All heavy atoms as atom14 arrays in JSON, in Angstrom:
{
  "sequence": "GIAVLVTIASARTSSASAHGAAGLVLGYQQAFLIGS",
  "atom14_mask": [
    [1, 1, 1, 1, 0, 0, 0, 0, 0, 0, 0, 0, 0, 0],
    [1, 1, 1, 1, 1, 1, 1, 1, 0, 0, 0, 0, 0, 0],
    [1, 1, 1, 1, 1, 0, 0, 0, 0, 0, 0, 0, 0, 0],
    [1, 1, 1, 1, 1, 1, 1, 0, 0, 0, 0, 0, 0, 0],
    [1, 1, 1, 1, 1, 1, 1, 1, 0, 0, 0, 0, 0, 0],
    [1, 1, 1, 1, 1, 1, 1, 0, 0, 0, 0, 0, 0, 0],
    [1, 1, 1, 1, 1, 1, 1, 0, 0, 0, 0, 0, 0, 0],
    [1, 1, 1, 1, 1, 1, 1, 1, 0, 0, 0, 0, 0, 0],
    [1, 1, 1, 1, 1, 0, 0, 0, 0, 0, 0, 0, 0, 0],
    [1, 1, 1, 1, 1, 1, 0, 0, 0, 0, 0, 0, 0, 0],
    [1, 1, 1, 1, 1, 0, 0, 0, 0, 0, 0, 0, 0, 0],
    [1, 1, 1, 1, 1, 1, 1, 1, 1, 1, 1, 0, 0, 0],
    [1, 1, 1, 1, 1, 1, 1, 0, 0, 0, 0, 0, 0, 0],
    [1, 1, 1, 1, 1, 1, 0, 0, 0, 0, 0, 0, 0, 0],
    [1, 1, 1, 1, 1, 1, 0, 0, 0, 0, 0, 0, 0, 0],
    [1, 1, 1, 1, 1, 0, 0, 0, 0, 0, 0, 0, 0, 0],
    [1, 1, 1, 1, 1, 1, 0, 0, 0, 0, 0, 0, 0, 0],
    [1, 1, 1, 1, 1, 0, 0, 0, 0, 0, 0, 0, 0, 0],
    [1, 1, 1, 1, 1, 1, 1, 1, 1, 1, 0, 0, 0, 0],
    [1, 1, 1, 1, 0, 0, 0, 0, 0, 0, 0, 0, 0, 0],
    [1, 1, 1, 1, 1, 0, 0, 0, 0, 0, 0, 0, 0, 0],
    [1, 1, 1, 1, 1, 0, 0, 0, 0, 0, 0, 0, 0, 0],
    [1, 1, 1, 1, 0, 0, 0, 0, 0, 0, 0, 0, 0, 0],
    [1, 1, 1, 1, 1, 1, 1, 1, 0, 0, 0, 0, 0, 0],
    [1, 1, 1, 1, 1, 1, 1, 0, 0, 0, 0, 0, 0, 0],
    [1, 1, 1, 1, 1, 1, 1, 1, 0, 0, 0, 0, 0, 0],
    [1, 1, 1, 1, 0, 0, 0, 0, 0, 0, 0, 0, 0, 0],
    [1, 1, 1, 1, 1, 1, 1, 1, 1, 1, 1, 1, 0, 0],
    [1, 1, 1, 1, 1, 1, 1, 1, 1, 0, 0, 0, 0, 0],
    [1, 1, 1, 1, 1, 1, 1, 1, 1, 0, 0, 0, 0, 0],
    [1, 1, 1, 1, 1, 0, 0, 0, 0, 0, 0, 0, 0, 0],
    [1, 1, 1, 1, 1, 1, 1, 1, 1, 1, 1, 0, 0, 0],
    [1, 1, 1, 1, 1, 1, 1, 1, 0, 0, 0, 0, 0, 0],
    [1, 1, 1, 1, 1, 1, 1, 1, 0, 0, 0, 0, 0, 0],
    [1, 1, 1, 1, 0, 0, 0, 0, 0, 0, 0, 0, 0, 0],
    [1, 1, 1, 1, 1, 1, 0, 0, 0, 0, 0, 0, 0, 0]
  ],
  "atom14_positions": [
    [[0.81, -1.2, 0.0], [0.0, 0.0, 0.0], [0.85, 1.26, 0.0], [0.59, 2.2, -0.76], [0.0, 0.0, 0.0], [0.0, 0.0, 0.0], [0.0, 0.0, 0.0], [0.0, 0.0, 0.0], [0.0, 0.0, 0.0], [0.0, 0.0, 0.0], [0.0, 0.0, 0.0], [0.0, 0.0, 0.0], [0.0, 0.0, 0.0], [0.0, 0.0, 0.0]],
    [[1.87, 1.28, 0.86], [2.76, 2.44, 0.89], [3.46, 2.61, -0.45], [3.58, 3.72, -0.98], [3.78, 2.29, 2.03], [3.09, 2.48, 3.38], [4.92, 3.32, 1.89], [3.99, 2.24, 4.57], [0.0, 0.0, 0.0], [0.0, 0.0, 0.0], [0.0, 0.0, 0.0], [0.0, 0.0, 0.0], [0.0, 0.0, 0.0], [0.0, 0.0, 0.0]],
    [[3.91, 1.48, -1.05], [4.58, 1.56, -2.34], [3.68, 2.16, -3.41], [4.08, 3.07, -4.16], [5.04, 0.16, -2.77], [0.0, 0.0, 0.0], [0.0, 0.0, 0.0], [0.0, 0.0, 0.0], [0.0, 0.0, 0.0], [0.0, 0.0, 0.0], [0.0, 0.0, 0.0], [0.0, 0.0, 0.0], [0.0, 0.0, 0.0], [0.0, 0.0, 0.0]],
    [[2.45, 1.68, -3.49], [1.51, 2.17, -4.5], [1.17, 3.64, -4.26], [1.2, 4.47, -5.19], [0.23, 1.32, -4.51], [-0.85, 1.96, -5.37], [0.53, -0.09, -5.01], [0.0, 0.0, 0.0], [0.0, 0.0, 0.0], [0.0, 0.0, 0.0], [0.0, 0.0, 0.0], [0.0, 0.0, 0.0], [0.0, 0.0, 0.0], [0.0, 0.0, 0.0]],
    [[0.85, 3.98, -3.01], [0.39, 5.34, -2.72], [1.53, 6.36, -2.81], [1.3, 7.5, -3.22], [-0.27, 5.38, -1.35], [-1.56, 4.55, -1.25], [-2.14, 4.63, 0.15], [-2.59, 5.0, -2.27], [0.0, 0.0, 0.0], [0.0, 0.0, 0.0], [0.0, 0.0, 0.0], [0.0, 0.0, 0.0], [0.0, 0.0, 0.0], [0.0, 0.0, 0.0]],
    [[2.73, 5.97, -2.42], [3.88, 6.88, -2.59], [4.13, 7.13, -4.07], [4.42, 8.26, -4.49], [5.14, 6.29, -1.91], [6.39, 7.03, -2.37], [5.02, 6.39, -0.4], [0.0, 0.0, 0.0], [0.0, 0.0, 0.0], [0.0, 0.0, 0.0], [0.0, 0.0, 0.0], [0.0, 0.0, 0.0], [0.0, 0.0, 0.0], [0.0, 0.0, 0.0]],
    [[4.0, 6.09, -4.88], [4.18, 6.26, -6.33], [3.13, 7.2, -6.9], [3.44, 8.09, -7.7], [4.08, 4.89, -7.02], [5.06, 4.01, -6.47], [4.33, 5.02, -8.51], [0.0, 0.0, 0.0], [0.0, 0.0, 0.0], [0.0, 0.0, 0.0], [0.0, 0.0, 0.0], [0.0, 0.0, 0.0], [0.0, 0.0, 0.0], [0.0, 0.0, 0.0]],
    [[1.88, 7.03, -6.48], [0.8, 7.91, -6.95], [1.03, 9.35, -6.49], [0.88, 10.3, -7.28], [-0.56, 7.4, -6.42], [-0.92, 6.08, -7.13], [-1.66, 8.44, -6.61], [-2.13, 5.39, -6.54], [0.0, 0.0, 0.0], [0.0, 0.0, 0.0], [0.0, 0.0, 0.0], [0.0, 0.0, 0.0], [0.0, 0.0, 0.0], [0.0, 0.0, 0.0]],
    [[1.42, 9.5, -5.22], [1.67, 10.85, -4.7], [2.81, 11.53, -5.43], [2.74, 12.72, -5.78], [1.96, 10.78, -3.21], [0.0, 0.0, 0.0], [0.0, 0.0, 0.0], [0.0, 0.0, 0.0], [0.0, 0.0, 0.0], [0.0, 0.0, 0.0], [0.0, 0.0, 0.0], [0.0, 0.0, 0.0], [0.0, 0.0, 0.0], [0.0, 0.0, 0.0]],
    [[3.88, 10.77, -5.67], [5.04, 11.35, -6.35], [4.7, 11.76, -7.78], [5.12, 12.82, -8.25], [6.19, 10.34, -6.34], [7.33, 10.86, -6.98], [0.0, 0.0, 0.0], [0.0, 0.0, 0.0], [0.0, 0.0, 0.0], [0.0, 0.0, 0.0], [0.0, 0.0, 0.0], [0.0, 0.0, 0.0], [0.0, 0.0, 0.0], [0.0, 0.0, 0.0]],
    [[3.93, 10.91, -8.47], [3.55, 11.23, -9.84], [2.67, 12.49, -9.88], [2.82, 13.34, -10.76], [2.81, 10.05, -10.46], [0.0, 0.0, 0.0], [0.0, 0.0, 0.0], [0.0, 0.0, 0.0], [0.0, 0.0, 0.0], [0.0, 0.0, 0.0], [0.0, 0.0, 0.0], [0.0, 0.0, 0.0], [0.0, 0.0, 0.0], [0.0, 0.0, 0.0]],
    [[1.76, 12.6, -8.92], [0.88, 13.79, -8.86], [1.69, 15.04, -8.57], [1.47, 16.1, -9.16], [-0.19, 13.59, -7.79], [-1.16, 14.76, -7.65], [-2.06, 14.84, -8.86], [-2.99, 15.97, -8.78], [-2.77, 17.16, -9.3], [-1.62, 17.39, -9.96], [-3.66, 18.12, -9.21], [0.0, 0.0, 0.0], [0.0, 0.0, 0.0], [0.0, 0.0, 0.0]],
    [[2.65, 14.92, -7.65], [3.49, 16.07, -7.31], [4.32, 16.5, -8.51], [4.47, 17.7, -8.8], [4.41, 15.72, -6.13], [3.61, 15.42, -4.98], [5.35, 16.87, -5.8], [0.0, 0.0, 0.0], [0.0, 0.0, 0.0], [0.0, 0.0, 0.0], [0.0, 0.0, 0.0], [0.0, 0.0, 0.0], [0.0, 0.0, 0.0], [0.0, 0.0, 0.0]],
    [[4.87, 15.52, -9.24], [5.74, 15.83, -10.38], [4.96, 16.48, -11.52], [5.48, 17.33, -12.24], [6.41, 14.55, -10.88], [7.2, 13.98, -9.87], [0.0, 0.0, 0.0], [0.0, 0.0, 0.0], [0.0, 0.0, 0.0], [0.0, 0.0, 0.0], [0.0, 0.0, 0.0], [0.0, 0.0, 0.0], [0.0, 0.0, 0.0], [0.0, 0.0, 0.0]],
    [[3.7, 16.05, -11.7], [2.91, 16.58, -12.82], [2.22, 17.9, -12.5], [1.69, 18.56, -13.39], [1.84, 15.56, -13.22], [0.91, 15.36, -12.16], [0.0, 0.0, 0.0], [0.0, 0.0, 0.0], [0.0, 0.0, 0.0], [0.0, 0.0, 0.0], [0.0, 0.0, 0.0], [0.0, 0.0, 0.0], [0.0, 0.0, 0.0], [0.0, 0.0, 0.0]],
    [[2.22, 18.29, -11.22], [1.53, 19.51, -10.82], [2.32, 20.74, -11.22], [3.55, 20.72, -11.29], [1.28, 19.52, -9.31], [0.0, 0.0, 0.0], [0.0, 0.0, 0.0], [0.0, 0.0, 0.0], [0.0, 0.0, 0.0], [0.0, 0.0, 0.0], [0.0, 0.0, 0.0], [0.0, 0.0, 0.0], [0.0, 0.0, 0.0], [0.0, 0.0, 0.0]],
    [[1.6, 21.82, -11.48], [2.28, 23.08, -11.79], [2.82, 23.74, -10.53], [3.73, 24.57, -10.59], [1.3, 24.04, -12.5], [0.15, 24.26, -11.68], [0.0, 0.0, 0.0], [0.0, 0.0, 0.0], [0.0, 0.0, 0.0], [0.0, 0.0, 0.0], [0.0, 0.0, 0.0], [0.0, 0.0, 0.0], [0.0, 0.0, 0.0], [0.0, 0.0, 0.0]],
    [[2.26, 23.38, -9.38], [2.74, 23.92, -8.1], [4.07, 23.28, -7.73], [4.38, 22.16, -8.13], [1.7, 23.66, -7.01], [0.0, 0.0, 0.0], [0.0, 0.0, 0.0], [0.0, 0.0, 0.0], [0.0, 0.0, 0.0], [0.0, 0.0, 0.0], [0.0, 0.0, 0.0], [0.0, 0.0, 0.0], [0.0, 0.0, 0.0], [0.0, 0.0, 0.0]],
    [[4.84, 23.99, -6.94], [6.16, 23.51, -6.53], [6.28, 23.55, -5.01], [5.48, 24.18, -4.31], [7.27, 24.35, -7.17], [7.26, 24.31, -8.67], [7.68, 23.21, -9.39], [6.85, 25.23, -9.58], [7.55, 23.45, -10.68], [7.04, 24.67, -10.83], [0.0, 0.0, 0.0], [0.0, 0.0, 0.0], [0.0, 0.0, 0.0], [0.0, 0.0, 0.0]],
    [[7.31, 22.86, -4.5], [7.58, 22.88, -3.07], [6.47, 22.23, -2.28], [5.89, 21.21, -2.67], [0.0, 0.0, 0.0], [0.0, 0.0, 0.0], [0.0, 0.0, 0.0], [0.0, 0.0, 0.0], [0.0, 0.0, 0.0], [0.0, 0.0, 0.0], [0.0, 0.0, 0.0], [0.0, 0.0, 0.0], [0.0, 0.0, 0.0], [0.0, 0.0, 0.0]],
    [[6.13, 22.84, -1.15], [5.12, 22.28, -0.25], [3.76, 22.16, -0.93], [3.0, 21.22, -0.67], [5.01, 23.12, 1.02], [0.0, 0.0, 0.0], [0.0, 0.0, 0.0], [0.0, 0.0, 0.0], [0.0, 0.0, 0.0], [0.0, 0.0, 0.0], [0.0, 0.0, 0.0], [0.0, 0.0, 0.0], [0.0, 0.0, 0.0], [0.0, 0.0, 0.0]],
    [[3.43, 23.12, -1.81], [2.14, 23.08, -2.49], [2.02, 21.84, -3.37], [0.96, 21.19, -3.43], [1.94, 24.35, -3.32], [0.0, 0.0, 0.0], [0.0, 0.0, 0.0], [0.0, 0.0, 0.0], [0.0, 0.0, 0.0], [0.0, 0.0, 0.0], [0.0, 0.0, 0.0], [0.0, 0.0, 0.0], [0.0, 0.0, 0.0], [0.0, 0.0, 0.0]],
    [[3.11, 21.49, -4.05], [3.11, 20.28, -4.87], [3.0, 19.02, -4.03], [2.31, 18.07, -4.4], [0.0, 0.0, 0.0], [0.0, 0.0, 0.0], [0.0, 0.0, 0.0], [0.0, 0.0, 0.0], [0.0, 0.0, 0.0], [0.0, 0.0, 0.0], [0.0, 0.0, 0.0], [0.0, 0.0, 0.0], [0.0, 0.0, 0.0], [0.0, 0.0, 0.0]],
    [[3.67, 19.02, -2.87], [3.58, 17.86, -1.96], [2.14, 17.65, -1.49], [1.66, 16.51, -1.42], [4.5, 18.07, -0.76], [6.0, 18.02, -1.01], [6.76, 18.35, 0.27], [6.42, 16.65, -1.52], [0.0, 0.0, 0.0], [0.0, 0.0, 0.0], [0.0, 0.0, 0.0], [0.0, 0.0, 0.0], [0.0, 0.0, 0.0], [0.0, 0.0, 0.0]],
    [[1.46, 18.74, -1.17], [0.08, 18.63, -0.68], [-0.81, 17.98, -1.74], [-1.65, 17.13, -1.42], [-0.46, 20.02, -0.28], [-1.97, 19.96, -0.07], [0.22, 20.51, 0.98], [0.0, 0.0, 0.0], [0.0, 0.0, 0.0], [0.0, 0.0, 0.0], [0.0, 0.0, 0.0], [0.0, 0.0, 0.0], [0.0, 0.0, 0.0], [0.0, 0.0, 0.0]],
    [[-0.64, 18.36, -3.0], [-1.44, 17.75, -4.07], [-1.2, 16.25, -4.14], [-2.13, 15.47, -4.35], [-1.11, 18.42, -5.4], [-1.52, 19.89, -5.54], [-1.02, 20.46, -6.86], [-3.04, 20.03, -5.45], [0.0, 0.0, 0.0], [0.0, 0.0, 0.0], [0.0, 0.0, 0.0], [0.0, 0.0, 0.0], [0.0, 0.0, 0.0], [0.0, 0.0, 0.0]],
    [[0.06, 15.85, -3.97], [0.38, 14.43, -3.96], [-0.25, 13.7, -2.78], [-0.79, 12.6, -2.92], [0.0, 0.0, 0.0], [0.0, 0.0, 0.0], [0.0, 0.0, 0.0], [0.0, 0.0, 0.0], [0.0, 0.0, 0.0], [0.0, 0.0, 0.0], [0.0, 0.0, 0.0], [0.0, 0.0, 0.0], [0.0, 0.0, 0.0], [0.0, 0.0, 0.0]],
    [[-0.17, 14.32, -1.6], [-0.76, 13.7, -0.41], [-2.28, 13.56, -0.57], [-2.87, 12.54, -0.17], [-0.46, 14.54, 0.84], [1.01, 14.69, 1.16], [1.48, 15.75, 1.95], [1.95, 13.78, 0.67], [2.82, 15.89, 2.24], [3.3, 13.92, 0.96], [3.73, 14.99, 1.74], [5.06, 15.12, 2.04], [0.0, 0.0, 0.0], [0.0, 0.0, 0.0]],
    [[-2.92, 14.58, -1.11], [-4.37, 14.52, -1.32], [-4.74, 13.31, -2.19], [-5.69, 12.57, -1.88], [-4.86, 15.81, -1.97], [-4.81, 17.03, -1.07], [-5.15, 18.31, -1.82], [-5.12, 18.35, -3.05], [-5.46, 19.37, -1.1], [0.0, 0.0, 0.0], [0.0, 0.0, 0.0], [0.0, 0.0, 0.0], [0.0, 0.0, 0.0], [0.0, 0.0, 0.0]],
    [[-3.99, 13.13, -3.27], [-4.27, 12.01, -4.17], [-4.06, 10.68, -3.46], [-4.87, 9.75, -3.62], [-3.36, 12.12, -5.4], [-3.69, 11.14, -6.51], [-4.84, 11.62, -7.37], [-5.4, 12.68, -7.12], [-5.21, 10.84, -8.37], [0.0, 0.0, 0.0], [0.0, 0.0, 0.0], [0.0, 0.0, 0.0], [0.0, 0.0, 0.0], [0.0, 0.0, 0.0]],
    [[-2.98, 10.56, -2.69], [-2.69, 9.31, -1.99], [-3.78, 8.98, -0.98], [-4.23, 7.82, -0.88], [-1.33, 9.41, -1.29], [0.0, 0.0, 0.0], [0.0, 0.0, 0.0], [0.0, 0.0, 0.0], [0.0, 0.0, 0.0], [0.0, 0.0, 0.0], [0.0, 0.0, 0.0], [0.0, 0.0, 0.0], [0.0, 0.0, 0.0], [0.0, 0.0, 0.0]],
    [[-4.22, 9.96, -0.21], [-5.29, 9.72, 0.77], [-6.59, 9.31, 0.08], [-7.32, 8.44, 0.58], [-5.52, 10.97, 1.62], [-4.46, 11.21, 2.66], [-3.84, 12.46, 2.76], [-4.08, 10.21, 3.55], [-2.87, 12.69, 3.72], [-3.11, 10.44, 4.51], [-2.5, 11.68, 4.6], [0.0, 0.0, 0.0], [0.0, 0.0, 0.0], [0.0, 0.0, 0.0]],
    [[-6.88, 9.92, -1.05], [-8.11, 9.6, -1.77], [-8.1, 8.15, -2.25], [-9.08, 7.41, -2.06], [-8.29, 10.56, -2.95], [-9.55, 10.35, -3.8], [-10.81, 10.52, -2.95], [-9.55, 11.3, -4.99], [0.0, 0.0, 0.0], [0.0, 0.0, 0.0], [0.0, 0.0, 0.0], [0.0, 0.0, 0.0], [0.0, 0.0, 0.0], [0.0, 0.0, 0.0]],
    [[-7.0, 7.72, -2.86], [-6.9, 6.34, -3.33], [-6.91, 5.38, -2.13], [-7.51, 4.3, -2.19], [-5.64, 6.14, -4.18], [-5.65, 7.1, -5.38], [-5.52, 4.7, -4.65], [-6.82, 6.92, -6.31], [0.0, 0.0, 0.0], [0.0, 0.0, 0.0], [0.0, 0.0, 0.0], [0.0, 0.0, 0.0], [0.0, 0.0, 0.0], [0.0, 0.0, 0.0]],
    [[-6.23, 5.77, -1.05], [-6.23, 4.94, 0.15], [-7.64, 4.74, 0.7], [-7.99, 3.64, 1.17], [0.0, 0.0, 0.0], [0.0, 0.0, 0.0], [0.0, 0.0, 0.0], [0.0, 0.0, 0.0], [0.0, 0.0, 0.0], [0.0, 0.0, 0.0], [0.0, 0.0, 0.0], [0.0, 0.0, 0.0], [0.0, 0.0, 0.0], [0.0, 0.0, 0.0]],
    [[-8.47, 5.77, 0.63], [-9.85, 5.63, 1.1], [-10.62, 4.64, 0.24], [-11.47, 3.89, 0.76], [-10.56, 7.0, 1.09], [-10.86, 7.43, -0.22], [0.0, 0.0, 0.0], [0.0, 0.0, 0.0], [0.0, 0.0, 0.0], [0.0, 0.0, 0.0], [0.0, 0.0, 0.0], [0.0, 0.0, 0.0], [0.0, 0.0, 0.0], [0.0, 0.0, 0.0]]
  ]
}
């Protein structure tokens, strides 16, 4: 689960136009959503 969700979060962060902490938040949001 951690492997899959970290991969999803990282991909979302990398594809986002936001950078730094803002990009991390977008990745975390996606990971939590898939985890749910």
